[in-house]
Structures are given as C-alpha cells and as structure tokens.
Amino acid sequence: MAVICISRELAANGEETARELTKIGGYRYIESNHIESRMTEMKIDHQDIRHFDERKPGPLSLLPERRLRFLQVLKEIIYEEASRGNCIILGRGAGALLRGIPGVISVCLVAPRELRVHRIKLAHSCDERTAEHQIRQSDHDRRGFLKYFFDLDWHNGENYDLTINTGAINPKDTAALIDSFRGFAVSSADEKRGIQMLKELRIQSAVMAEILYARKLRVQGFSATMKNGRLTLSGIAGSREESQAAETAARSIEGVEMLDNQIAVLPHASAS
C-alpha cells in the first residue's frame, strides 16, 4: 500500500476515482468533510475554513495569524493521516505537503475542457454558461490555493508522479492504473521510511500548533525540529518561565519523548 495524493480539475472524476481506489486495496479515503470535521475539532473557525480551504485567500489573508494557524492545523491533519499509511488524500495541498517523502504518490487528474463542461451540465442540470463559470472559478481557486500556500504551479506536470487525462478512461480503470503505478513506484522499504518521516513531521506540526496557537506562547522565531526521535525547540523567549512553558507544552504532545530545549532567554524579547 501507499499514500496517494490526488489533485484534480473540477469534473475530471477525482472523487469518483478516489472511491474506486478504496475498493481495490482498502485505502482509507480522506476528503473534504473529514478534514473539515477535524479542523472544527481543533478549533479552526468555520469562516476560516470556508475562506482558505482550496481557495485563493481574499481580505482575511491580511490577518496572518488566522492564515498561519489554518495552514499549521492542515499540516498536522495531513501528516497524521498519512503517517497511518494506506490512504488516499483528495486535494488540500497534500501532494505539496508530502512531496519527496518515500511511499507517497502524487497524482493529477485532468480532462478536456469541453468534456468537463459536459459533465457539469449533466451533473447539475445547468446550462453551458453556468458550467463554464463553475470551471473558471474552481480553476482560479485551486490554482491560487496551491500558489499562495505552497508556491506550487498547479498545472506543472513536474510536480506530480503521474498525470492522467480522464477524457477517455472511466474512474474504475483510472483507479486501476494508479494502483498499478503504485506497485511499480513504491516498495515496502519506501513505505517504512516514509511513515517514520511522517510521524516526525506530525509531531513537529502538532508542537508548533500547540505552542503558537493553542497556548499562544510568545517565543520569537519559534521552531520545532524532530530528527531521529529527538525534538529540538529553538527561538527566543522573554523569560525562563516562557521557555519552560514552551517545553511543557511540547512534552504534552503524543510521541514526544526526547527533547532538547534550545530556546534562548532574552529579557523583554517577548515585548519587542
């Protein structure tokens, strides 16, 4: 098995293909409802989810804390789900977040524009003008989302392991093609290394979210780096108490066992 990230144009059979893949190998299907539910549990405001999820941010992007918190929580969710292995993640920048990790396959599904228009007209019983508008808006949003949050060119084939034109292939056969590619591209050793990397990334992300957004500790330039099972905290705190609070918060995260607190203490740093 593997982690399969699917990026898709609207009406390129992304959702249908993902569901067919679950039938082939028992993959877990991680889609928008699941991610939104997790974000709500993690106290992300529903307005922020609507504003940032697979969209190019508008006026709220001027509030960097909300944007950064959304991204940090999204990372934590994606890393956690991927670290469990054997899943399909639909959209949400998963391919960008997991790029270069062994055992992860990034797939892009596209289709001819006229066919996409036809599929939308059939699915929504709408006219061609309405279908065209939906396509333009969706393409604009997804392109903007990936560029804004991940500096990624959505339609650049170099960013994917596999790109499939679904214009002449149905979802069942598309799923079979992806699963066949997975068999060639991913080894059990890849999966093992990838899962370990993902577990460490999940811990890093969870620590960042806990310290910066849940507990709102004021540590300038804060970072958390996990390597070979050891978590290292760095940054600048205004007092020893703030440094210790950050360490306590980090130790509260599941999976943190070995920890080096390298946060420097400079009086009045938090107020500058």
Protein backbone atom coordinates (compact mmCIF):
# COMPACT_ATOMS: atom_id res chain seq x y z
CA MET A 1 0.00 0.00 0.00
CA ALA A 2 0.98 3.66 -0.06
CA VAL A 3 -0.24 7.21 0.46
CA ILE A 4 -1.84 8.53 -2.72
CA CYS A 5 -2.44 12.28 -3.08
CA ILE A 6 -4.91 13.22 -5.79
CA SER A 7 -5.04 16.70 -7.27
CA ARG A 8 -7.85 17.16 -9.80
CA GLU A 9 -9.57 19.59 -12.06
CA LEU A 10 -13.28 20.08 -11.46
CA ALA A 11 -15.20 17.36 -13.37
CA ALA A 12 -12.06 15.28 -14.01
CA ASN A 13 -13.51 12.38 -11.97
CA GLY A 14 -11.31 12.95 -8.92
CA GLU A 15 -13.85 11.95 -6.28
CA GLU A 16 -15.12 9.03 -8.37
CA THR A 17 -11.58 7.72 -8.92
CA ALA A 18 -10.73 8.01 -5.22
CA ARG A 19 -13.78 5.95 -4.29
CA GLU A 20 -12.85 3.27 -6.83
CA LEU A 21 -9.35 3.12 -5.36
CA THR A 22 -10.79 2.37 -1.92
CA LYS A 23 -12.46 -0.71 -3.41
CA ILE A 24 -9.21 -2.01 -4.91
CA GLY A 25 -6.95 -2.06 -1.90
CA GLY A 26 -8.82 -0.99 1.19
CA TYR A 27 -7.36 2.50 1.21
CA ARG A 28 -8.81 4.98 3.68
CA TYR A 29 -10.40 7.93 1.89
CA ILE A 30 -9.50 11.33 3.34
CA GLU A 31 -11.67 14.02 1.74
CA SER A 32 -13.03 17.48 2.49
CA ASN A 33 -15.73 16.50 5.01
CA HIS A 34 -13.25 14.52 7.07
CA ILE A 35 -10.65 17.29 7.07
CA GLU A 36 -13.23 19.97 7.85
CA SER A 37 -14.54 17.91 10.76
CA ARG A 38 -11.01 17.51 12.14
CA MET A 39 -10.35 21.23 11.75
CA THR A 40 -13.52 22.05 13.65
CA GLU A 41 -12.43 19.71 16.46
CA MET A 42 -9.12 21.59 16.54
CA LYS A 43 -10.94 24.93 16.99
CA ILE A 44 -10.46 26.34 13.48
CA ASP A 45 -13.30 28.80 12.86
CA HIS A 46 -15.73 27.65 10.16
CA GLN A 47 -15.38 31.04 8.48
CA ASP A 48 -11.64 30.46 8.11
CA ILE A 49 -12.23 27.00 6.64
CA ARG A 50 -14.58 28.48 4.03
CA HIS A 51 -12.15 31.28 3.30
CA PHE A 52 -8.90 29.31 3.00
CA ASP A 53 -9.79 25.71 2.04
CA GLU A 54 -8.76 25.15 -1.60
CA ARG A 55 -9.24 28.83 -2.32
CA LYS A 56 -7.03 31.78 -3.09
CA PRO A 57 -7.31 33.90 0.08
CA GLY A 58 -9.00 37.27 -0.08
CA PRO A 59 -9.23 40.03 2.56
CA LEU A 60 -8.84 37.70 5.55
CA SER A 61 -5.32 36.90 4.34
CA LEU A 62 -4.42 40.30 5.79
CA LEU A 63 -4.80 38.63 9.19
CA PRO A 64 -1.65 36.47 9.12
CA GLU A 65 -2.28 34.65 12.41
CA ARG A 66 -5.54 33.15 11.08
CA ARG A 67 -3.91 32.14 7.81
CA LEU A 68 -0.85 30.63 9.50
CA ARG A 69 -2.96 28.79 12.08
CA PHE A 70 -5.15 27.30 9.33
CA LEU A 71 -2.04 26.09 7.49
CA GLN A 72 -0.41 24.68 10.63
CA VAL A 73 -3.52 22.70 11.55
CA LEU A 74 -3.94 21.49 7.95
CA LYS A 75 -0.35 20.23 8.03
CA GLU A 76 -0.94 18.41 11.31
CA ILE A 77 -4.04 16.66 9.96
CA ILE A 78 -2.41 15.65 6.66
CA TYR A 79 0.75 14.39 8.36
CA GLU A 80 -1.25 12.44 10.95
CA GLU A 81 -3.47 10.74 8.38
CA ALA A 82 -0.57 9.98 6.05
CA SER A 83 1.54 8.57 8.90
CA ARG A 84 -1.10 5.87 9.38
CA GLY A 85 -0.44 4.74 5.79
CA ASN A 86 -2.72 3.19 3.16
CA CYS A 87 -4.79 6.24 2.37
CA ILE A 88 -6.00 8.46 -0.44
CA ILE A 89 -5.96 12.20 0.26
CA LEU A 90 -8.06 14.28 -2.10
CA GLY A 91 -6.77 17.81 -2.72
CA ARG A 92 -5.98 20.12 0.23
CA GLY A 93 -2.39 20.58 -0.96
CA ALA A 94 -1.46 17.10 0.29
CA GLY A 95 0.77 16.43 -2.71
CA ALA A 96 2.72 19.62 -1.97
CA LEU A 97 2.98 18.93 1.77
CA LEU A 98 4.13 15.33 1.27
CA ARG A 99 6.34 15.96 -1.74
CA GLY A 100 9.57 13.95 -1.69
CA ILE A 101 8.51 11.61 1.12
CA PRO A 102 9.13 7.93 0.27
CA GLY A 103 5.98 5.89 -0.20
CA VAL A 104 3.88 8.88 -1.29
CA ILE A 105 2.48 9.14 -4.82
CA SER A 106 1.18 12.42 -6.20
CA VAL A 107 -1.38 12.15 -9.00
CA CYS A 108 -3.07 14.85 -11.08
CA LEU A 109 -6.31 14.15 -12.93
CA VAL A 110 -7.25 16.38 -15.86
CA ALA A 111 -9.79 16.30 -18.69
CA PRO A 112 -10.58 18.28 -21.87
CA ARG A 113 -12.45 21.48 -21.06
CA GLU A 114 -15.41 20.70 -23.30
CA LEU A 115 -15.85 17.35 -21.56
CA ARG A 116 -15.66 18.98 -18.16
CA VAL A 117 -18.38 21.41 -19.22
CA HIS A 118 -20.50 18.49 -20.46
CA ARG A 119 -20.08 16.56 -17.22
CA ILE A 120 -21.08 19.57 -15.11
CA LYS A 121 -24.13 20.24 -17.24
CA LEU A 122 -25.27 16.65 -16.74
CA ALA A 123 -24.46 16.54 -13.02
CA HIS A 124 -26.08 19.86 -12.13
CA SER A 125 -28.73 20.19 -14.85
CA CYS A 126 -27.37 23.61 -15.76
CA ASP A 127 -26.64 25.46 -18.98
CA GLU A 128 -23.24 25.81 -20.63
CA ARG A 129 -22.64 29.33 -19.33
CA THR A 130 -23.15 28.23 -15.73
CA ALA A 131 -20.89 25.21 -16.22
CA GLU A 132 -18.16 27.40 -17.73
CA HIS A 133 -18.40 29.77 -14.78
CA GLN A 134 -18.03 26.91 -12.30
CA ILE A 135 -14.93 25.68 -14.10
CA ARG A 136 -13.31 29.11 -14.23
CA GLN A 137 -13.99 29.74 -10.54
CA SER A 138 -12.77 26.30 -9.46
CA ASP A 139 -9.58 26.53 -11.54
CA HIS A 140 -8.89 30.01 -10.19
CA ASP A 141 -9.41 28.91 -6.59
CA ARG A 142 -7.32 25.74 -6.76
CA ARG A 143 -4.51 27.40 -8.68
CA GLY A 144 -4.49 30.28 -6.19
CA PHE A 145 -4.62 27.99 -3.14
CA LEU A 146 -1.56 25.99 -4.18
CA LYS A 147 0.39 29.05 -5.26
CA TYR A 148 -0.44 31.09 -2.15
CA PHE A 149 0.15 28.44 0.49
CA PHE A 150 2.77 26.21 -1.16
CA ASP A 151 4.26 28.28 -4.02
CA LEU A 152 3.31 25.45 -6.37
CA ASP A 153 2.24 25.68 -10.02
CA TRP A 154 -0.92 23.59 -10.08
CA HIS A 155 -0.68 22.56 -13.75
CA ASN A 156 3.07 21.93 -13.88
CA GLY A 157 3.45 18.21 -14.58
CA GLU A 158 6.85 18.15 -12.87
CA ASN A 159 5.03 18.47 -9.54
CA TYR A 160 3.33 15.08 -9.94
CA ASP A 161 4.45 11.49 -10.23
CA LEU A 162 1.58 10.69 -12.56
CA THR A 163 -0.81 12.81 -14.63
CA ILE A 164 -3.86 11.15 -16.22
CA ASN A 165 -6.25 12.57 -18.80
CA THR A 166 -9.61 11.10 -17.77
CA GLY A 167 -11.26 12.16 -21.02
CA ALA A 168 -11.10 8.64 -22.44
CA ILE A 169 -10.90 6.48 -19.31
CA ASN A 170 -13.52 5.79 -16.66
CA PRO A 171 -12.95 6.09 -12.89
CA LYS A 172 -12.64 2.35 -12.34
CA ASP A 173 -9.88 2.00 -14.93
CA THR A 174 -8.21 5.22 -13.75
CA ALA A 175 -8.07 3.76 -10.25
CA ALA A 176 -6.61 0.51 -11.57
CA LEU A 177 -3.95 2.46 -13.46
CA ILE A 178 -2.96 4.42 -10.33
CA ASP A 179 -2.81 1.29 -8.21
CA SER A 180 -0.69 -0.45 -10.84
CA PHE A 181 1.70 2.51 -10.89
CA ARG A 182 1.85 2.35 -7.10
CA GLY A 183 3.02 -1.26 -7.37
CA PHE A 184 5.97 -0.23 -9.55
CA ALA A 185 6.85 3.00 -7.77
CA VAL A 186 6.61 2.14 -4.07
CA SER A 187 8.49 -0.55 -2.18
CA SER A 188 7.89 -1.76 1.36
CA ALA A 189 11.17 -0.11 2.35
CA ASP A 190 9.89 3.20 0.92
CA GLU A 191 6.72 2.92 2.96
CA LYS A 192 8.61 2.17 6.17
CA ARG A 193 10.95 5.16 5.74
CA GLY A 194 8.09 7.41 4.71
CA ILE A 195 5.91 6.55 7.68
CA GLN A 196 8.75 7.32 10.08
CA MET A 197 9.33 10.69 8.41
CA LEU A 198 5.61 11.46 8.53
CA LYS A 199 5.35 10.62 12.20
CA GLU A 200 8.13 13.10 12.93
CA LEU A 201 6.53 15.76 10.74
CA ARG A 202 3.23 15.22 12.55
CA ILE A 203 4.90 15.78 15.92
CA GLN A 204 6.70 18.92 14.68
CA SER A 205 3.46 20.36 13.35
CA ALA A 206 1.47 19.47 16.47
CA VAL A 207 4.08 21.11 18.71
CA MET A 208 4.08 24.28 16.60
CA ALA A 209 0.28 24.49 16.73
CA GLU A 210 0.14 23.83 20.48
CA ILE A 211 2.75 26.42 21.41
CA LEU A 212 1.93 29.20 18.97
CA TYR A 213 -1.85 28.94 18.64
CA ALA A 214 -3.37 26.81 21.39
CA ARG A 215 -1.33 28.23 24.28
CA LYS A 216 -0.31 31.43 22.46
CA LEU A 217 3.16 31.47 23.97
CA ARG A 218 5.31 34.38 22.86
CA VAL A 219 8.51 32.84 21.54
CA GLN A 220 10.06 34.82 18.71
CA GLY A 221 11.23 32.84 15.68
CA PHE A 222 9.97 29.63 17.27
CA SER A 223 10.63 26.34 15.51
CA ALA A 224 10.32 22.67 16.42
CA THR A 225 12.50 20.13 14.62
CA MET A 226 12.17 16.37 15.00
CA LYS A 227 15.05 14.13 13.93
CA ASN A 228 15.82 10.53 14.87
CA GLY A 229 13.21 10.63 17.60
CA ARG A 230 14.56 13.78 19.26
CA LEU A 231 12.62 17.06 19.29
CA THR A 232 14.57 20.31 19.35
CA LEU A 233 12.92 23.60 20.30
CA SER A 234 14.51 26.89 19.24
CA GLY A 235 13.62 30.58 19.30
CA ILE A 236 13.84 33.49 21.74
CA ALA A 237 11.72 33.83 24.89
CA GLY A 238 11.45 36.87 27.14
CA SER A 239 11.83 34.86 30.34
CA ARG A 240 12.88 31.49 31.67
CA GLU A 241 9.23 30.87 32.58
CA GLU A 242 8.15 31.30 28.95
CA SER A 243 10.89 28.94 27.78
CA GLN A 244 9.80 26.37 30.35
CA ALA A 245 6.14 26.78 29.37
CA ALA A 246 7.06 26.01 25.77
CA GLU A 247 8.91 22.88 26.87
CA THR A 248 5.95 21.76 28.99
CA ALA A 249 3.59 22.32 26.05
CA ALA A 250 5.85 20.31 23.74
CA ARG A 251 6.03 17.41 26.19
CA SER A 252 2.22 17.27 26.21
CA ILE A 253 2.19 16.17 22.56
CA GLU A 254 1.88 12.44 21.95
CA GLY A 255 5.11 10.97 20.63
CA VAL A 256 7.48 13.46 22.26
CA GLU A 257 9.97 11.53 24.38
CA MET A 258 13.46 13.01 23.88
CA LEU A 259 13.55 16.81 23.88
CA ASP A 260 16.22 19.49 23.70
CA ASN A 261 15.08 22.95 24.72
CA GLN A 262 17.39 25.38 22.93
CA ILE A 263 15.11 28.40 23.32
CA ALA A 264 17.28 31.38 24.22
CA VAL A 265 16.13 33.65 27.03
CA LEU A 266 16.46 37.40 26.47
CA PRO A 267 14.59 39.65 28.92
CA HIS A 268 11.90 41.77 27.28
CA ALA A 269 12.22 39.85 23.99
CA SER A 270 8.52 38.96 24.01
CA ALA A 271 7.56 42.61 24.23
CA SER A 272 9.66 43.78 21.28
